[in-house]
Amino acid sequence: MVQISLGRVARINKTLSRWLSVAIAVGIIGLGVKAIWFDSQGYLVPTRSIPVGANLANEKFRLIHINLGQIAGSYLSNAHAPKGFAQTTLTAGQLVSKTSISPWAPATVERIVVTNKTQLGSGVHAGARVSIWSAKRLENNQFDVPKRLVAHATVARVIKGSAVFGSQNQQVEVLVNPTQTPALLAAMASESPIFLVAEQ
């Protein structure tokens, strides 16, 4: 009788273990489905490659759902209709970074190459939105407190520095609203140091 009881207990434990495994698997699948379908957000991706300067209002997008977590706000979502102009080529089927879009068409912005006097931060790259600051050069090689010259500019490309310490003295081509170019050009003409600060 003892042997039979132990056998039954073993079979019961085996059955319970099997059901428990099934329940855990179903739970994991359920969590995965929830993360994909319920916790995800809708994003717009181009149906074709969009060239620089194209008006997004005239382009076609398709909706995809994905969970991007903390970087969700960095990409074009379906919360609003696409508007603005492409500042870089937008690849078909790829997420659209908000930094690659500008309210101004490239024809209405000035392309200016500036020399950044400090090492560029990781946030300064092609397509990034930056503000441009400068410390006015004073007499006796002194400098004033840095002031913001351009509130919003878009990086067109980063040009590697040619000096020995090129990484700390790099040239960057930026797209700037024409109304903000005079102050920037004046700072460059006076050889005042220029600094690029990536938008957060």
Protein backbone atom coordinates (compact mmCIF):
# COMPACT_ATOMS: atom_id res chain seq x y z
CA MET A 1 0.00 0.00 0.00
CA VAL A 2 2.85 2.37 0.80
CA GLN A 3 4.45 1.79 -2.60
CA ILE A 4 1.15 2.42 -4.42
CA SER A 5 0.55 5.64 -2.46
CA LEU A 6 4.04 6.89 -3.23
CA GLY A 7 3.51 6.13 -6.93
CA ARG A 8 0.26 8.04 -6.96
CA VAL A 9 1.92 10.98 -5.21
CA ALA A 10 4.70 10.98 -7.78
CA ARG A 11 2.19 10.97 -10.66
CA ILE A 12 0.19 13.78 -9.01
CA ASN A 13 3.35 15.86 -8.53
CA LYS A 14 4.34 15.24 -12.13
CA THR A 15 0.89 16.31 -13.36
CA LEU A 16 0.96 19.43 -11.18
CA SER A 17 4.42 20.32 -12.46
CA ARG A 18 3.24 19.91 -16.03
CA TRP A 19 0.20 22.16 -15.46
CA LEU A 20 2.37 24.70 -13.65
CA SER A 21 4.78 24.82 -16.60
CA VAL A 22 1.89 25.36 -18.98
CA ALA A 23 0.49 28.14 -16.78
CA ILE A 24 3.86 29.90 -16.63
CA ALA A 25 4.29 29.65 -20.41
CA VAL A 26 0.81 31.09 -21.00
CA GLY A 27 1.58 33.91 -18.57
CA ILE A 28 4.84 34.78 -20.34
CA ILE A 29 3.10 34.77 -23.73
CA GLY A 30 0.35 36.95 -22.30
CA LEU A 31 2.85 39.47 -20.99
CA GLY A 32 4.59 39.52 -24.36
CA VAL A 33 1.33 40.16 -26.19
CA LYS A 34 0.47 42.93 -23.72
CA ALA A 35 3.85 44.59 -24.22
CA ILE A 36 3.51 44.46 -28.00
CA TRP A 37 -0.15 45.36 -28.48
CA PHE A 38 -1.16 47.33 -25.40
CA ASP A 39 2.01 49.01 -24.08
CA SER A 40 3.33 49.87 -27.54
CA GLN A 41 2.81 53.19 -29.30
CA GLY A 42 2.08 53.97 -32.92
CA TYR A 43 4.86 55.46 -35.05
CA LEU A 44 4.93 56.64 -38.64
CA VAL A 45 7.52 55.35 -41.11
CA PRO A 46 7.90 56.48 -44.74
CA THR A 47 6.59 54.20 -47.46
CA ARG A 48 9.47 55.37 -49.70
CA SER A 49 12.80 57.10 -49.21
CA ILE A 50 12.16 60.82 -48.69
CA PRO A 51 14.82 63.19 -50.05
CA VAL A 52 16.22 66.21 -48.22
CA GLY A 53 13.89 69.19 -48.50
CA ALA A 54 10.70 67.22 -49.13
CA ASN A 55 7.52 68.51 -47.52
CA LEU A 56 6.30 65.76 -45.19
CA ALA A 57 2.68 66.83 -45.69
CA ASN A 58 2.96 65.55 -49.27
CA GLU A 59 4.52 62.20 -48.35
CA LYS A 60 2.93 58.87 -47.45
CA PHE A 61 3.58 57.05 -44.18
CA ARG A 62 2.44 53.77 -42.70
CA LEU A 63 1.74 53.00 -39.07
CA ILE A 64 3.75 50.54 -36.98
CA HIS A 65 3.47 49.66 -33.30
CA ILE A 66 6.54 49.30 -31.13
CA ASN A 67 7.54 49.89 -27.52
CA LEU A 68 10.53 52.26 -27.41
CA GLY A 69 10.47 52.93 -23.69
CA GLN A 70 12.34 56.05 -22.59
CA ILE A 71 13.28 57.13 -26.14
CA ALA A 72 9.67 57.11 -27.36
CA GLY A 73 9.53 60.89 -27.56
CA SER A 74 12.47 61.05 -29.97
CA TYR A 75 10.58 59.65 -32.97
CA LEU A 76 7.66 60.68 -35.17
CA SER A 77 4.46 59.21 -33.75
CA ASN A 78 0.91 59.06 -35.04
CA ALA A 79 -0.22 61.59 -32.43
CA HIS A 80 -0.03 64.36 -35.03
CA ALA A 81 -0.06 64.56 -38.80
CA PRO A 82 3.47 64.77 -40.26
CA LYS A 83 4.55 68.32 -41.00
CA GLY A 84 7.77 70.17 -41.70
CA PHE A 85 10.62 69.37 -44.06
CA ALA A 86 13.17 66.57 -44.21
CA GLN A 87 16.62 67.83 -43.25
CA THR A 88 18.23 64.47 -44.00
CA THR A 89 17.23 61.58 -46.25
CA LEU A 90 14.49 59.54 -44.55
CA THR A 91 14.82 55.83 -45.34
CA ALA A 92 11.71 53.86 -46.28
CA GLY A 93 10.39 51.70 -43.45
CA GLN A 94 12.66 53.28 -40.83
CA LEU A 95 11.62 55.26 -37.77
CA VAL A 96 11.85 59.01 -38.29
CA SER A 97 13.90 60.88 -35.70
CA LYS A 98 12.41 64.25 -34.79
CA THR A 99 15.87 65.78 -35.18
CA SER A 100 15.74 64.97 -38.91
CA ILE A 101 12.70 67.24 -39.36
CA SER A 102 12.63 71.03 -39.38
CA PRO A 103 9.84 73.58 -39.75
CA TRP A 104 11.96 75.28 -42.42
CA ALA A 105 12.66 74.02 -45.89
CA PRO A 106 16.39 73.71 -46.68
CA ALA A 107 15.95 76.51 -49.24
CA THR A 108 14.93 78.85 -46.43
CA VAL A 109 17.92 78.08 -44.20
CA GLU A 110 21.53 79.14 -44.44
CA ARG A 111 24.30 76.55 -44.57
CA ILE A 112 27.16 77.75 -42.40
CA VAL A 113 30.34 75.94 -41.41
CA VAL A 114 31.35 76.80 -37.85
CA THR A 115 34.37 75.68 -35.84
CA ASN A 116 33.48 74.25 -32.46
CA LYS A 117 36.20 75.18 -29.94
CA THR A 118 35.64 72.25 -27.59
CA GLN A 119 35.32 68.51 -28.07
CA LEU A 120 31.96 67.70 -29.62
CA GLY A 121 29.47 65.90 -27.43
CA SER A 122 28.00 62.57 -28.54
CA GLY A 123 24.69 64.33 -29.21
CA VAL A 124 26.20 66.45 -32.00
CA HIS A 125 25.85 64.45 -35.23
CA ALA A 126 24.21 64.74 -38.63
CA GLY A 127 20.51 65.50 -38.17
CA ALA A 128 20.86 66.61 -34.54
CA ARG A 129 19.17 69.77 -33.28
CA VAL A 130 21.58 72.12 -31.51
CA SER A 131 21.81 75.61 -30.06
CA ILE A 132 24.83 77.74 -30.92
CA TRP A 133 26.67 79.77 -28.27
CA SER A 134 29.62 82.12 -28.36
CA ALA A 135 31.85 83.93 -25.88
CA LYS A 136 32.65 87.37 -27.31
CA ARG A 137 36.36 88.08 -27.66
CA LEU A 138 37.42 91.11 -25.59
CA GLU A 139 40.71 93.00 -25.29
CA ASN A 140 43.88 91.31 -24.05
CA ASN A 141 42.59 87.95 -25.27
CA GLN A 142 39.81 87.94 -22.67
CA PHE A 143 36.32 86.58 -23.29
CA ASP A 144 32.83 87.60 -22.23
CA VAL A 145 30.28 85.25 -20.69
CA PRO A 146 28.94 82.82 -23.35
CA LYS A 147 25.67 83.90 -24.93
CA ARG A 148 23.26 81.98 -27.13
CA LEU A 149 23.33 83.21 -30.72
CA VAL A 150 21.05 80.62 -32.36
CA ALA A 151 18.27 78.92 -30.42
CA HIS A 152 17.64 76.08 -32.88
CA ALA A 153 19.85 74.82 -35.71
CA THR A 154 20.20 71.48 -37.47
CA VAL A 155 23.54 69.74 -38.00
CA ALA A 156 24.00 68.94 -41.69
CA ARG A 157 27.34 67.17 -41.25
CA VAL A 158 30.34 66.96 -38.96
CA ILE A 159 33.69 67.69 -40.59
CA LYS A 160 36.76 66.18 -38.94
CA GLY A 161 39.30 68.69 -37.68
CA SER A 162 42.61 68.91 -39.48
CA ALA A 163 44.67 70.07 -36.50
CA VAL A 164 46.72 67.80 -34.22
CA PHE A 165 43.98 68.04 -31.63
CA GLY A 166 41.25 67.94 -34.24
CA SER A 167 38.75 66.20 -31.98
CA GLN A 168 38.69 69.34 -29.81
CA ASN A 169 38.47 71.77 -32.73
CA GLN A 170 36.01 70.37 -35.25
CA GLN A 171 34.14 72.05 -38.05
CA VAL A 172 30.41 71.46 -38.28
CA GLU A 173 28.04 72.46 -41.07
CA VAL A 174 24.77 73.72 -39.63
CA LEU A 175 21.43 74.79 -41.10
CA VAL A 176 20.39 78.10 -39.55
CA ASN A 177 17.33 80.32 -39.90
CA PRO A 178 18.44 83.35 -41.97
CA THR A 179 17.13 85.74 -39.32
CA GLN A 180 19.70 84.36 -36.86
CA THR A 181 22.73 84.26 -39.13
CA PRO A 182 23.99 87.87 -38.71
CA ALA A 183 24.92 87.39 -35.04
CA LEU A 184 26.61 84.08 -35.82
CA LEU A 185 28.58 85.49 -38.74
CA ALA A 186 29.65 88.49 -36.61
CA ALA A 187 30.97 86.16 -33.91
CA MET A 188 32.89 84.15 -36.47
CA ALA A 189 34.37 87.31 -38.02
CA SER A 190 35.64 88.46 -34.61
CA GLU A 191 37.15 85.01 -34.01
CA SER A 192 35.03 84.54 -30.92
CA PRO A 193 34.88 80.88 -29.87
CA ILE A 194 31.75 79.00 -30.99
CA PHE A 195 30.12 76.17 -29.03
CA LEU A 196 27.42 73.73 -30.12
CA VAL A 197 25.07 72.35 -27.50
CA ALA A 198 22.83 69.41 -28.44
CA GLU A 199 19.17 69.69 -27.52
CA GLN A 200 18.02 67.22 -24.86
